[in-house]
Amino acid sequence: MCYIQYHAHHGVTRFARQGAVRHLYLALLGSHTILAVVIVPFILTTLYRAWRGRFERHKKIARWTLPLWFYVSVTGVVVYWMLYHLYAQIAGR
């Protein structure tokens, strides 16, 4: 919710680099954004099944949920780093 609130008030920050690094950034951002939406029902279902003690069904979906959640978490940090730190370091030289 904090992410949505921030971007609703802050607006868009454009990635200033060009070339292959821009394509990499956009690919990471696109996959991160899509999977961040897709992962929500996976997480809720995984937690619900564990909470209800349905551990066999929980394990079946958790095999997908955990790696997807890790990917979304890591790509979020990488996208942030590329947008706010990588270019700032290069431009500061």
C-alpha atoms as a PDB file:
ATOM      1  CA  MET A   1       0.000   0.000   0.000  1.00  0.00           C
ATOM      2  CA  CYS A   2       2.897   2.374   0.745  1.00  0.00           C
ATOM      3  CA  TYR A   3       4.301   1.729  -2.738  1.00  0.00           C
ATOM      4  CA  ILE A   4       0.981   2.576  -4.399  1.00  0.00           C
ATOM      5  CA  GLN A   5       0.478   5.661  -2.229  1.00  0.00           C
ATOM      6  CA  TYR A   6       4.002   6.910  -2.977  1.00  0.00           C
ATOM      7  CA  HIS A   7       3.676   6.510  -6.736  1.00  0.00           C
ATOM      8  CA  ALA A   8       0.189   8.001  -6.791  1.00  0.00           C
ATOM      9  CA  HIS A   9       1.635  11.230  -5.362  1.00  0.00           C
ATOM     10  CA  HIS A  10       5.181  11.167  -6.761  1.00  0.00           C
ATOM     11  CA  GLY A  11       4.424  10.242 -10.363  1.00  0.00           C
ATOM     12  CA  VAL A  12       6.710   8.593 -12.874  1.00  0.00           C
ATOM     13  CA  THR A  13      10.502   8.482 -12.689  1.00  0.00           C
ATOM     14  CA  ARG A  14      12.035   7.752 -16.072  1.00  0.00           C
ATOM     15  CA  PHE A  15      15.076   5.520 -16.568  1.00  0.00           C
ATOM     16  CA  ALA A  16      17.605   7.826 -18.203  1.00  0.00           C
ATOM     17  CA  ARG A  17      20.046   5.270 -19.653  1.00  0.00           C
ATOM     18  CA  GLN A  18      19.853   4.071 -23.259  1.00  0.00           C
ATOM     19  CA  GLY A  19      20.856   0.909 -25.072  1.00  0.00           C
ATOM     20  CA  ALA A  20      21.052  -2.642 -23.742  1.00  0.00           C
ATOM     21  CA  VAL A  21      20.883  -1.630 -20.068  1.00  0.00           C
ATOM     22  CA  ARG A  22      17.549   0.109 -20.744  1.00  0.00           C
ATOM     23  CA  HIS A  23      16.169  -3.078 -22.321  1.00  0.00           C
ATOM     24  CA  LEU A  24      17.368  -5.097 -19.339  1.00  0.00           C
ATOM     25  CA  TYR A  25      15.784  -2.582 -16.947  1.00  0.00           C
ATOM     26  CA  LEU A  26      12.457  -2.633 -18.783  1.00  0.00           C
ATOM     27  CA  ALA A  27      12.440  -6.445 -18.941  1.00  0.00           C
ATOM     28  CA  LEU A  28      13.073  -6.665 -15.191  1.00  0.00           C
ATOM     29  CA  LEU A  29      10.502  -3.971 -14.445  1.00  0.00           C
ATOM     30  CA  GLY A  30       7.870  -5.616 -16.641  1.00  0.00           C
ATOM     31  CA  SER A  31       8.351  -9.105 -15.224  1.00  0.00           C
ATOM     32  CA  HIS A  32       8.502  -7.720 -11.679  1.00  0.00           C
ATOM     33  CA  THR A  33       5.280  -5.741 -12.103  1.00  0.00           C
ATOM     34  CA  ILE A  34       3.293  -8.584 -13.670  1.00  0.00           C
ATOM     35  CA  LEU A  35       4.467 -11.163 -11.147  1.00  0.00           C
ATOM     36  CA  ALA A  36       3.900  -8.761  -8.228  1.00  0.00           C
ATOM     37  CA  VAL A  37       0.208  -8.783  -9.159  1.00  0.00           C
ATOM     38  CA  VAL A  38       0.056 -12.509  -9.922  1.00  0.00           C
ATOM     39  CA  ILE A  39       1.774 -13.515  -6.666  1.00  0.00           C
ATOM     40  CA  VAL A  40      -0.872 -11.988  -4.368  1.00  0.00           C
ATOM     41  CA  PRO A  41      -3.490 -14.758  -4.762  1.00  0.00           C
ATOM     42  CA  PHE A  42      -0.709 -17.376  -4.588  1.00  0.00           C
ATOM     43  CA  ILE A  43       0.465 -15.947  -1.250  1.00  0.00           C
ATOM     44  CA  LEU A  44      -3.052 -15.720   0.157  1.00  0.00           C
ATOM     45  CA  THR A  45      -3.869 -19.286  -0.910  1.00  0.00           C
ATOM     46  CA  THR A  46      -0.595 -20.627   0.468  1.00  0.00           C
ATOM     47  CA  LEU A  47      -1.141 -18.929   3.827  1.00  0.00           C
ATOM     48  CA  TYR A  48      -4.787 -20.009   3.986  1.00  0.00           C
ATOM     49  CA  ARG A  49      -3.931 -23.652   3.347  1.00  0.00           C
ATOM     50  CA  ALA A  50      -1.247 -23.616   6.044  1.00  0.00           C
ATOM     51  CA  TRP A  51      -3.556 -21.840   8.490  1.00  0.00           C
ATOM     52  CA  ARG A  52      -6.280 -24.446   7.910  1.00  0.00           C
ATOM     53  CA  GLY A  53      -3.801 -27.291   8.342  1.00  0.00           C
ATOM     54  CA  ARG A  54      -4.082 -28.497   4.746  1.00  0.00           C
ATOM     55  CA  PHE A  55      -0.366 -29.087   4.489  1.00  0.00           C
ATOM     56  CA  GLU A  56      -0.350 -31.406   1.461  1.00  0.00           C
ATOM     57  CA  ARG A  57      -2.254 -28.830  -0.597  1.00  0.00           C
ATOM     58  CA  HIS A  58      -0.152 -26.060   0.984  1.00  0.00           C
ATOM     59  CA  LYS A  59       3.094 -27.719  -0.162  1.00  0.00           C
ATOM     60  CA  LYS A  60       1.806 -28.068  -3.737  1.00  0.00           C
ATOM     61  CA  ILE A  61       1.252 -24.337  -4.153  1.00  0.00           C
ATOM     62  CA  ALA A  62       4.132 -23.262  -1.896  1.00  0.00           C
ATOM     63  CA  ARG A  63       6.541 -24.871  -4.396  1.00  0.00           C
ATOM     64  CA  TRP A  64       5.486 -22.152  -6.839  1.00  0.00           C
ATOM     65  CA  THR A  65       4.789 -19.333  -4.410  1.00  0.00           C
ATOM     66  CA  LEU A  66       8.184 -19.187  -2.704  1.00  0.00           C
ATOM     67  CA  PRO A  67      10.390 -18.915  -5.824  1.00  0.00           C
ATOM     68  CA  LEU A  68       8.009 -16.415  -7.438  1.00  0.00           C
ATOM     69  CA  TRP A  69       7.954 -14.350  -4.260  1.00  0.00           C
ATOM     70  CA  PHE A  70      11.757 -14.420  -4.093  1.00  0.00           C
ATOM     71  CA  TYR A  71      11.959 -13.304  -7.734  1.00  0.00           C
ATOM     72  CA  VAL A  72       9.554 -10.409  -7.123  1.00  0.00           C
ATOM     73  CA  SER A  73      11.471  -9.389  -3.994  1.00  0.00           C
ATOM     74  CA  VAL A  74      14.891  -9.483  -5.628  1.00  0.00           C
ATOM     75  CA  THR A  75      13.835  -7.800  -8.880  1.00  0.00           C
ATOM     76  CA  GLY A  76      12.166  -5.028  -6.891  1.00  0.00           C
ATOM     77  CA  VAL A  77      15.464  -4.223  -5.211  1.00  0.00           C
ATOM     78  CA  VAL A  78      17.392  -4.516  -8.502  1.00  0.00           C
ATOM     79  CA  VAL A  79      14.956  -2.216 -10.327  1.00  0.00           C
ATOM     80  CA  TYR A  80      15.174   0.325  -7.501  1.00  0.00           C
ATOM     81  CA  TRP A  81      18.985   0.142  -7.519  1.00  0.00           C
ATOM     82  CA  MET A  82      19.169   0.540 -11.293  1.00  0.00           C
ATOM     83  CA  LEU A  83      16.762   3.486 -11.304  1.00  0.00           C
ATOM     84  CA  TYR A  84      18.032   5.474  -8.324  1.00  0.00           C
ATOM     85  CA  HIS A  85      21.638   4.408  -7.750  1.00  0.00           C
ATOM     86  CA  LEU A  86      23.301   2.906 -10.812  1.00  0.00           C
ATOM     87  CA  TYR A  87      22.601   5.837 -13.109  1.00  0.00           C
ATOM     88  CA  ALA A  88      23.304   8.382 -10.363  1.00  0.00           C
ATOM     89  CA  GLN A  89      26.772   6.858  -9.836  1.00  0.00           C
ATOM     90  CA  ILE A  90      27.563   6.855 -13.543  1.00  0.00           C
ATOM     91  CA  ALA A  91      26.242  10.395 -14.079  1.00  0.00           C
ATOM     92  CA  GLY A  92      28.273  11.628 -11.090  1.00  0.00           C
ATOM     93  CA  ARG A  93      31.614  10.705 -12.699  1.00  0.00           C
END
